[in-house]
Amino acid sequence: MLRSKDDYNRALFLRRHGFDLFRDRERYHAVLCNSHLIPRATEQESKRGIEAFAPVVRDAALAVLKADPDGLAELHTRHPREGTWRQGMHADAV
């Protein structure tokens, strides 16, 4: 079911916006991933993973909104598996 949803969204972005949502990541300041935080598809594991991931999402959003490349660099140091963080971000890029 998830693969079908992902395939649909990937095709939709390619058709509507002309880029591959899963490969063309240079346009993003941060690409987040929580797959490793939800090892099994259970409600309990999902809740635990979401709770662990929520602060990362919040901090990444705040750093992007503030155009704070140092904040993104710090996130990368603290959470290397949860995302990739673009360097060289500046205020007019947000």
PDB file of N, CA and C in Angstrom:
ATOM      1  N   MET A   1       0.819  -1.183   0.000  1.00  0.00           N
ATOM      2  CA  MET A   1       0.000   0.000   0.000  1.00  0.00           C
ATOM      3  C   MET A   1       0.872   1.261   0.000  1.00  0.00           C
ATOM      4  N   LEU A   2       1.905   1.271   0.861  1.00  0.00           N
ATOM      5  CA  LEU A   2       2.792   2.441   0.911  1.00  0.00           C
ATOM      6  C   LEU A   2       3.551   2.626  -0.394  1.00  0.00           C
ATOM      7  N   ARG A   3       4.018   1.525  -0.965  1.00  0.00           N
ATOM      8  CA  ARG A   3       4.747   1.623  -2.228  1.00  0.00           C
ATOM      9  C   ARG A   3       3.850   2.198  -3.314  1.00  0.00           C
ATOM     10  N   SER A   4       2.592   1.783  -3.331  1.00  0.00           N
ATOM     11  CA  SER A   4       1.642   2.306  -4.314  1.00  0.00           C
ATOM     12  C   SER A   4       1.436   3.811  -4.121  1.00  0.00           C
ATOM     13  N   LYS A   5       1.292   4.254  -2.871  1.00  0.00           N
ATOM     14  CA  LYS A   5       1.128   5.683  -2.572  1.00  0.00           C
ATOM     15  C   LYS A   5       2.371   6.457  -2.992  1.00  0.00           C
ATOM     16  N   ASP A   6       3.552   5.921  -2.649  1.00  0.00           N
ATOM     17  CA  ASP A   6       4.797   6.590  -3.019  1.00  0.00           C
ATOM     18  C   ASP A   6       4.954   6.682  -4.534  1.00  0.00           C
ATOM     19  N   ASP A   7       4.626   5.603  -5.237  1.00  0.00           N
ATOM     20  CA  ASP A   7       4.714   5.623  -6.705  1.00  0.00           C
ATOM     21  C   ASP A   7       3.762   6.659  -7.292  1.00  0.00           C
ATOM     22  N   TYR A   8       2.569   6.750  -6.732  1.00  0.00           N
ATOM     23  CA  TYR A   8       1.591   7.733  -7.194  1.00  0.00           C
ATOM     24  C   TYR A   8       2.114   9.155  -6.992  1.00  0.00           C
ATOM     25  N   ASN A   9       2.603   9.453  -5.799  1.00  0.00           N
ATOM     26  CA  ASN A   9       3.114  10.801  -5.512  1.00  0.00           C
ATOM     27  C   ASN A   9       4.331  11.137  -6.355  1.00  0.00           C
ATOM     28  N   ARG A  10       5.198  10.157  -6.558  1.00  0.00           N
ATOM     29  CA  ARG A  10       6.378  10.385  -7.389  1.00  0.00           C
ATOM     30  C   ARG A  10       5.963  10.759  -8.812  1.00  0.00           C
ATOM     31  N   ALA A  11       5.036   9.996  -9.384  1.00  0.00           N
ATOM     32  CA  ALA A  11       4.557  10.277 -10.746  1.00  0.00           C
ATOM     33  C   ALA A  11       3.837  11.623 -10.809  1.00  0.00           C
ATOM     34  N   LEU A  12       3.063  11.938  -9.777  1.00  0.00           N
ATOM     35  CA  LEU A  12       2.345  13.209  -9.731  1.00  0.00           C
ATOM     36  C   LEU A  12       3.307  14.398  -9.743  1.00  0.00           C
ATOM     37  N   PHE A  13       4.341  14.358  -8.918  1.00  0.00           N
ATOM     38  CA  PHE A  13       5.304  15.454  -8.882  1.00  0.00           C
ATOM     39  C   PHE A  13       6.068  15.552 -10.198  1.00  0.00           C
ATOM     40  N   LEU A  14       6.399  14.422 -10.788  1.00  0.00           N
ATOM     41  CA  LEU A  14       7.105  14.448 -12.064  1.00  0.00           C
ATOM     42  C   LEU A  14       6.222  15.081 -13.139  1.00  0.00           C
ATOM     43  N   ARG A  15       4.970  14.700 -13.180  1.00  0.00           N
ATOM     44  CA  ARG A  15       4.045  15.225 -14.184  1.00  0.00           C
ATOM     45  C   ARG A  15       3.732  16.705 -13.938  1.00  0.00           C
ATOM     46  N   ARG A  16       3.418  17.081 -12.713  1.00  0.00           N
ATOM     47  CA  ARG A  16       2.989  18.453 -12.419  1.00  0.00           C
ATOM     48  C   ARG A  16       4.134  19.447 -12.295  1.00  0.00           C
ATOM     49  N   HIS A  17       5.234  18.995 -11.711  1.00  0.00           N
ATOM     50  CA  HIS A  17       6.305  19.930 -11.375  1.00  0.00           C
ATOM     51  C   HIS A  17       7.616  19.672 -12.112  1.00  0.00           C
ATOM     52  N   GLY A  18       7.685  18.557 -12.838  1.00  0.00           N
ATOM     53  CA  GLY A  18       8.846  18.279 -13.666  1.00  0.00           C
ATOM     54  C   GLY A  18      10.089  17.833 -12.906  1.00  0.00           C
ATOM     55  N   PHE A  19       9.913  17.236 -11.728  1.00  0.00           N
ATOM     56  CA  PHE A  19      11.074  16.708 -11.021  1.00  0.00           C
ATOM     57  C   PHE A  19      10.706  15.425 -10.296  1.00  0.00           C
ATOM     58  N   ASP A  20      11.745  14.612 -10.075  1.00  0.00           N
ATOM     59  CA  ASP A  20      11.586  13.332  -9.385  1.00  0.00           C
ATOM     60  C   ASP A  20      11.692  13.575  -7.886  1.00  0.00           C
ATOM     61  N   LEU A  21      10.597  13.423  -7.210  1.00  0.00           N
ATOM     62  CA  LEU A  21      10.498  13.676  -5.774  1.00  0.00           C
ATOM     63  C   LEU A  21      11.506  12.871  -4.967  1.00  0.00           C
ATOM     64  N   PHE A  22      11.911  11.699  -5.465  1.00  0.00           N
ATOM     65  CA  PHE A  22      12.808  10.823  -4.713  1.00  0.00           C
ATOM     66  C   PHE A  22      14.279  11.015  -5.063  1.00  0.00           C
ATOM     67  N   ARG A  23      14.573  11.718  -6.145  1.00  0.00           N
ATOM     68  CA  ARG A  23      15.975  11.848  -6.568  1.00  0.00           C
ATOM     69  C   ARG A  23      16.457  13.300  -6.682  1.00  0.00           C
ATOM     70  N   ASP A  24      15.609  14.199  -7.109  1.00  0.00           N
ATOM     71  CA  ASP A  24      15.991  15.591  -7.345  1.00  0.00           C
ATOM     72  C   ASP A  24      15.859  16.391  -6.053  1.00  0.00           C
ATOM     73  N   ARG A  25      16.843  16.291  -5.209  1.00  0.00           N
ATOM     74  CA  ARG A  25      16.735  16.876  -3.879  1.00  0.00           C
ATOM     75  C   ARG A  25      17.495  18.188  -3.700  1.00  0.00           C
ATOM     76  N   GLU A  26      18.147  18.672  -4.724  1.00  0.00           N
ATOM     77  CA  GLU A  26      18.917  19.907  -4.583  1.00  0.00           C
ATOM     78  C   GLU A  26      18.031  21.119  -4.311  1.00  0.00           C
ATOM     79  N   ARG A  27      16.753  21.020  -4.597  1.00  0.00           N
ATOM     80  CA  ARG A  27      15.839  22.137  -4.369  1.00  0.00           C
ATOM     81  C   ARG A  27      15.424  22.273  -2.912  1.00  0.00           C
ATOM     82  N   TYR A  28      15.728  21.276  -2.087  1.00  0.00           N
ATOM     83  CA  TYR A  28      15.281  21.283  -0.697  1.00  0.00           C
ATOM     84  C   TYR A  28      16.403  21.684   0.251  1.00  0.00           C
ATOM     85  N   HIS A  29      16.058  22.400   1.303  1.00  0.00           N
ATOM     86  CA  HIS A  29      17.013  22.747   2.348  1.00  0.00           C
ATOM     87  C   HIS A  29      17.243  21.569   3.281  1.00  0.00           C
ATOM     88  N   ALA A  30      16.244  20.727   3.432  1.00  0.00           N
ATOM     89  CA  ALA A  30      16.359  19.548   4.296  1.00  0.00           C
ATOM     90  C   ALA A  30      15.496  18.436   3.714  1.00  0.00           C
ATOM     91  N   VAL A  31      16.019  17.234   3.755  1.00  0.00           N
ATOM     92  CA  VAL A  31      15.259  16.040   3.377  1.00  0.00           C
ATOM     93  C   VAL A  31      15.276  15.136   4.600  1.00  0.00           C
ATOM     94  N   LEU A  32      14.104  14.893   5.156  1.00  0.00           N
ATOM     95  CA  LEU A  32      13.998  14.169   6.417  1.00  0.00           C
ATOM     96  C   LEU A  32      13.563  12.730   6.187  1.00  0.00           C
ATOM     97  N   CYS A  33      14.011  11.859   7.083  1.00  0.00           N
ATOM     98  CA  CYS A  33      13.679  10.438   6.995  1.00  0.00           C
ATOM     99  C   CYS A  33      13.500   9.877   8.401  1.00  0.00           C
ATOM    100  N   ASN A  34      12.409   9.185   8.619  1.00  0.00           N
ATOM    101  CA  ASN A  34      12.190   8.560   9.914  1.00  0.00           C
ATOM    102  C   ASN A  34      12.017   7.051   9.817  1.00  0.00           C
ATOM    103  N   SER A  35      12.330   6.465   8.685  1.00  0.00           N
ATOM    104  CA  SER A  35      12.118   5.032   8.474  1.00  0.00           C
ATOM    105  C   SER A  35      12.811   4.182   9.530  1.00  0.00           C
ATOM    106  N   HIS A  36      14.019   4.544   9.883  1.00  0.00           N
ATOM    107  CA  HIS A  36      14.768   3.750  10.858  1.00  0.00           C
ATOM    108  C   HIS A  36      14.206   3.877  12.273  1.00  0.00           C
ATOM    109  N   LEU A  37      13.358   4.866  12.509  1.00  0.00           N
ATOM    110  CA  LEU A  37      12.764   5.067  13.829  1.00  0.00           C
ATOM    111  C   LEU A  37      11.489   4.242  14.025  1.00  0.00           C
ATOM    112  N   ILE A  38      11.001   3.621  12.957  1.00  0.00           N
ATOM    113  CA  ILE A  38       9.798   2.790  13.026  1.00  0.00           C
ATOM    114  C   ILE A  38      10.166   1.413  12.466  1.00  0.00           C
ATOM    115  N   PRO A  39      10.796   0.577  13.298  1.00  0.00           N
ATOM    116  CA  PRO A  39      11.320  -0.700  12.804  1.00  0.00           C
ATOM    117  C   PRO A  39      10.248  -1.713  12.409  1.00  0.00           C
ATOM    118  N   ARG A  40       9.053  -1.624  13.008  1.00  0.00           N
ATOM    119  CA  ARG A  40       7.959  -2.539  12.671  1.00  0.00           C
ATOM    120  C   ARG A  40       6.689  -1.733  12.466  1.00  0.00           C
ATOM    121  N   ALA A  41       5.843  -2.222  11.590  1.00  0.00           N
ATOM    122  CA  ALA A  41       4.597  -1.519  11.264  1.00  0.00           C
ATOM    123  C   ALA A  41       3.531  -1.819  12.313  1.00  0.00           C
ATOM    124  N   THR A  42       3.754  -1.308  13.522  1.00  0.00           N
ATOM    125  CA  THR A  42       2.770  -1.446  14.585  1.00  0.00           C
ATOM    126  C   THR A  42       2.415  -0.054  15.096  1.00  0.00           C
ATOM    127  N   GLU A  43       1.272   0.040  15.733  1.00  0.00           N
ATOM    128  CA  GLU A  43       0.859   1.338  16.261  1.00  0.00           C
ATOM    129  C   GLU A  43       1.844   1.832  17.321  1.00  0.00           C
ATOM    130  N   GLN A  44       2.274   0.939  18.184  1.00  0.00           N
ATOM    131  CA  GLN A  44       3.204   1.322  19.257  1.00  0.00           C
ATOM    132  C   GLN A  44       4.541   1.811  18.687  1.00  0.00           C
ATOM    133  N   GLU A  45       5.098   1.087  17.729  1.00  0.00           N
ATOM    134  CA  GLU A  45       6.365   1.497  17.110  1.00  0.00           C
ATOM    135  C   GLU A  45       6.202   2.810  16.351  1.00  0.00           C
ATOM    136  N   SER A  46       5.073   2.982  15.684  1.00  0.00           N
ATOM    137  CA  SER A  46       4.824   4.226  14.951  1.00  0.00           C
ATOM    138  C   SER A  46       4.764   5.411  15.901  1.00  0.00           C
ATOM    139  N   LYS A  47       4.026   5.258  16.986  1.00  0.00           N
ATOM    140  CA  LYS A  47       3.948   6.349  17.960  1.00  0.00           C
ATOM    141  C   LYS A  47       5.317   6.682  18.529  1.00  0.00           C
ATOM    142  N   ARG A  48       6.088   5.675  18.862  1.00  0.00           N
ATOM    143  CA  ARG A  48       7.422   5.890  19.416  1.00  0.00           C
ATOM    144  C   ARG A  48       8.320   6.608  18.396  1.00  0.00           C
ATOM    145  N   GLY A  49       8.276   6.173  17.156  1.00  0.00           N
ATOM    146  CA  GLY A  49       9.090   6.796  16.115  1.00  0.00           C
ATOM    147  C   GLY A  49       8.683   8.227  15.830  1.00  0.00           C
ATOM    148  N   ILE A  50       7.384   8.481  15.795  1.00  0.00           N
ATOM    149  CA  ILE A  50       6.885   9.841  15.549  1.00  0.00           C
ATOM    150  C   ILE A  50       7.280  10.762  16.693  1.00  0.00           C
ATOM    151  N   GLU A  51       7.171  10.284  17.920  1.00  0.00           N
ATOM    152  CA  GLU A  51       7.573  11.096  19.074  1.00  0.00           C
ATOM    153  C   GLU A  51       9.062  11.437  19.032  1.00  0.00           C
ATOM    154  N   ALA A  52       9.877  10.485  18.622  1.00  0.00           N
ATOM    155  CA  ALA A  52      11.318  10.742  18.521  1.00  0.00           C
ATOM    156  C   ALA A  52      11.632  11.699  17.375  1.00  0.00           C
ATOM    157  N   PHE A  53      10.833  11.645  16.317  1.00  0.00           N
ATOM    158  CA  PHE A  53      11.098  12.426  15.106  1.00  0.00           C
ATOM    159  C   PHE A  53      10.557  13.851  15.176  1.00  0.00           C
ATOM    160  N   ALA A  54       9.519  14.061  15.933  1.00  0.00           N
ATOM    161  CA  ALA A  54       8.854  15.373  15.982  1.00  0.00           C
ATOM    162  C   ALA A  54       9.810  16.524  16.291  1.00  0.00           C
ATOM    163  N   PRO A  55      10.717  16.403  17.263  1.00  0.00           N
ATOM    164  CA  PRO A  55      11.642  17.517  17.518  1.00  0.00           C
ATOM    165  C   PRO A  55      12.580  17.793  16.342  1.00  0.00           C
ATOM    166  N   VAL A  56      12.940  16.755  15.603  1.00  0.00           N
ATOM    167  CA  VAL A  56      13.816  16.943  14.440  1.00  0.00           C
ATOM    168  C   VAL A  56      13.077  17.741  13.372  1.00  0.00           C
ATOM    169  N   VAL A  57      11.816  17.386  13.129  1.00  0.00           N
ATOM    170  CA  VAL A  57      11.002  18.104  12.138  1.00  0.00           C
ATOM    171  C   VAL A  57      10.846  19.561  12.559  1.00  0.00           C
ATOM    172  N   ARG A  58      10.519  19.782  13.821  1.00  0.00           N
ATOM    173  CA  ARG A  58      10.355  21.153  14.330  1.00  0.00           C
ATOM    174  C   ARG A  58      11.644  21.959  14.155  1.00  0.00           C
ATOM    175  N   ASP A  59      12.765  21.391  14.592  1.00  0.00           N
ATOM    176  CA  ASP A  59      14.029  22.117  14.512  1.00  0.00           C
ATOM    177  C   ASP A  59      14.450  22.373  13.067  1.00  0.00           C
ATOM    178  N   ALA A  60      14.202  21.422  12.177  1.00  0.00           N
ATOM    179  CA  ALA A  60      14.531  21.623  10.764  1.00  0.00           C
ATOM    180  C   ALA A  60      13.671  22.729  10.165  1.00  0.00           C
ATOM    181  N   ALA A  61      12.368  22.712  10.460  1.00  0.00           N
ATOM    182  CA  ALA A  61      11.473  23.754   9.939  1.00  0.00           C
ATOM    183  C   ALA A  61      11.885  25.130  10.444  1.00  0.00           C
ATOM    184  N   LEU A  62      12.203  25.230  11.725  1.00  0.00           N
ATOM    185  CA  LEU A  62      12.620  26.524  12.280  1.00  0.00           C
ATOM    186  C   LEU A  62      13.918  27.013  11.643  1.00  0.00           C
ATOM    187  N   ALA A  63      14.877  26.117  11.447  1.00  0.00           N
ATOM    188  CA  ALA A  63      16.150  26.512  10.837  1.00  0.00           C
ATOM    189  C   ALA A  63      15.941  26.986   9.407  1.00  0.00           C
ATOM    190  N   VAL A  64      15.076  26.305   8.653  1.00  0.00           N
ATOM    191  CA  VAL A  64      14.795  26.715   7.271  1.00  0.00           C
ATOM    192  C   VAL A  64      14.062  28.055   7.261  1.00  0.00           C
ATOM    193  N   LEU A  65      13.057  28.210   8.108  1.00  0.00           N
ATOM    194  CA  LEU A  65      12.306  29.469   8.148  1.00  0.00           C
ATOM    195  C   LEU A  65      13.174  30.645   8.570  1.00  0.00           C
ATOM    196  N   LYS A  66      14.133  30.398   9.427  1.00  0.00           N
ATOM    197  CA  LYS A  66      15.042  31.455   9.878  1.00  0.00           C
ATOM    198  C   LYS A  66      16.239  31.619   8.941  1.00  0.00           C
ATOM    199  N   ALA A  67      16.304  30.785   7.886  1.00  0.00           N
ATOM    200  CA  ALA A  67      17.459  30.779   6.983  1.00  0.00           C
ATOM    201  C   ALA A  67      18.741  30.633   7.791  1.00  0.00           C
ATOM    202  N   ASP A  68      18.778  29.619   8.631  1.00  0.00           N
ATOM    203  CA  ASP A  68      19.872  29.396   9.571  1.00  0.00           C
ATOM    204  C   ASP A  68      20.697  28.171   9.175  1.00  0.00           C
ATOM    205  N   PRO A  69      21.703  28.346   8.314  1.00  0.00           N
ATOM    206  CA  PRO A  69      22.516  27.196   7.916  1.00  0.00           C
ATOM    207  C   PRO A  69      23.274  26.583   9.085  1.00  0.00           C
ATOM    208  N   ASP A  70      23.632  27.383  10.085  1.00  0.00           N
ATOM    209  CA  ASP A  70      24.312  26.823  11.258  1.00  0.00           C
ATOM    210  C   ASP A  70      23.372  25.888  12.022  1.00  0.00           C
ATOM    211  N   GLY A  71      22.105  26.250  12.090  1.00  0.00           N
ATOM    212  CA  GLY A  71      21.118  25.393  12.739  1.00  0.00           C
ATOM    213  C   GLY A  71      20.964  24.069  12.017  1.00  0.00           C
ATOM    214  N   LEU A  72      20.972  24.111  10.674  1.00  0.00           N
ATOM    215  CA  LEU A  72      20.903  22.866   9.904  1.00  0.00           C
ATOM    216  C   LEU A  72      22.170  22.038  10.083  1.00  0.00           C
ATOM    217  N   ALA A  73      23.312  22.698  10.147  1.00  0.00           N
ATOM    218  CA  ALA A  73      24.567  21.965  10.367  1.00  0.00           C
ATOM    219  C   ALA A  73      24.554  21.281  11.733  1.00  0.00           C
ATOM    220  N   GLU A  74      24.023  21.971  12.730  1.00  0.00           N
ATOM    221  CA  GLU A  74      23.923  21.377  14.065  1.00  0.00           C
ATOM    222  C   GLU A  74      22.973  20.177  14.062  1.00  0.00           C
ATOM    223  N   LEU A  75      21.862  20.291  13.333  1.00  0.00           N
ATOM    224  CA  LEU A  75      20.946  19.158  13.206  1.00  0.00           C
ATOM    225  C   LEU A  75      21.643  17.957  12.584  1.00  0.00           C
ATOM    226  N   HIS A  76      22.440  18.222  11.569  1.00  0.00           N
ATOM    227  CA  HIS A  76      23.172  17.123  10.928  1.00  0.00           C
ATOM    228  C   HIS A  76      24.108  16.432  11.919  1.00  0.00           C
ATOM    229  N   THR A  77      24.747  17.211  12.759  1.00  0.00           N
ATOM    230  CA  THR A  77      25.649  16.638  13.762  1.00  0.00           C
ATOM    231  C   THR A  77      24.864  15.806  14.776  1.00  0.00           C
ATOM    232  N   ARG A  78      23.734  16.329  15.229  1.00  0.00           N
ATOM    233  CA  ARG A  78      22.942  15.636  16.257  1.00  0.00           C
ATOM    234  C   ARG A  78      22.104  14.494  15.699  1.00  0.00           C
ATOM    235  N   HIS A  79      21.677  14.601  14.433  1.00  0.00           N
ATOM    236  CA  HIS A  79      20.748  13.622  13.850  1.00  0.00           C
ATOM    237  C   HIS A  79      21.180  13.233  12.431  1.00  0.00           C
ATOM    238  N   PRO A  80      22.328  12.618  12.280  1.00  0.00           N
ATOM    239  CA  PRO A  80      22.813  12.324  10.927  1.00  0.00           C
ATOM    240  C   PRO A  80      21.947  11.332  10.151  1.00  0.00           C
ATOM    241  N   ARG A  81      21.237  10.455  10.833  1.00  0.00           N
ATOM    242  CA  ARG A  81      20.415   9.465  10.132  1.00  0.00           C
ATOM    243  C   ARG A  81      19.023   9.997   9.792  1.00  0.00           C
ATOM    244  N   GLU A  82      18.608  11.078  10.417  1.00  0.00           N
ATOM    245  CA  GLU A  82      17.261  11.580  10.223  1.00  0.00           C
ATOM    246  C   GLU A  82      17.127  12.529   9.036  1.00  0.00           C
ATOM    247  N   GLY A  83      18.227  12.916   8.433  1.00  0.00           N
ATOM    248  CA  GLY A  83      18.064  13.800   7.295  1.00  0.00           C
ATOM    249  C   GLY A  83      19.358  14.212   6.656  1.00  0.00           C
ATOM    250  N   THR A  84      19.198  14.867   5.533  1.00  0.00           N
ATOM    251  CA  THR A  84      20.324  15.528   4.878  1.00  0.00           C
ATOM    252  C   THR A  84      20.003  17.012   4.897  1.00  0.00           C
ATOM    253  N   TRP A  85      21.007  17.782   5.131  1.00  0.00           N
ATOM    254  CA  TRP A  85      20.823  19.217   5.341  1.00  0.00           C
ATOM    255  C   TRP A  85      21.679  19.972   4.333  1.00  0.00           C
ATOM    256  N   ARG A  86      21.068  20.859   3.588  1.00  0.00           N
ATOM    257  CA  ARG A  86      21.786  21.596   2.553  1.00  0.00           C
ATOM    258  C   ARG A  86      22.632  22.699   3.172  1.00  0.00           C
ATOM    259  N   GLN A  87      23.853  22.772   2.756  1.00  0.00           N
ATOM    260  CA  GLN A  87      24.759  23.831   3.209  1.00  0.00           C
ATOM    261  C   GLN A  87      24.624  25.021   2.274  1.00  0.00           C
ATOM    262  N   GLY A  88      25.046  26.185   2.735  1.00  0.00           N
ATOM    263  CA  GLY A  88      25.064  27.378   1.901  1.00  0.00           C
ATOM    264  C   GLY A  88      23.703  28.019   1.734  1.00  0.00           C
ATOM    265  N   MET A  89      22.781  27.748   2.626  1.00  0.00           N
ATOM    266  CA  MET A  89      21.461  28.343   2.542  1.00  0.00           C
ATOM    267  C   MET A  89      21.564  29.828   2.909  1.00  0.00           C
ATOM    268  N   HIS A  90      20.824  30.660   2.216  1.00  0.00           N
ATOM    269  CA  HIS A  90      20.769  32.073   2.555  1.00  0.00           C
ATOM    270  C   HIS A  90      19.333  32.542   2.541  1.00  0.00           C
ATOM    271  N   ALA A  91      19.062  33.674   3.137  1.00  0.00           N
ATOM    272  CA  ALA A  91      17.698  34.138   3.413  1.00  0.00           C
ATOM    273  C   ALA A  91      16.829  34.208   2.152  1.00  0.00           C
ATOM    274  N   ASP A  92      17.366  34.636   1.022  1.00  0.00           N
ATOM    275  CA  ASP A  92      16.509  34.760  -0.159  1.00  0.00           C
ATOM    276  C   ASP A  92      16.195  33.409  -0.803  1.00  0.00           C
ATOM    277  N   ALA A  93      16.791  32.344  -0.292  1.00  0.00           N
ATOM    278  CA  ALA A  93      16.507  31.008  -0.830  1.00  0.00           C
ATOM    279  C   ALA A  93      15.294  30.375  -0.171  1.00  0.00           C
ATOM    280  N   VAL A  94      14.816  30.971   0.916  1.00  0.00           N
ATOM    281  CA  VAL A  94      13.693  30.364   1.641  1.00  0.00           C
ATOM    282  C   VAL A  94      12.380  30.724   0.972  1.00  0.00           C
TER     283      VAL A  94
END
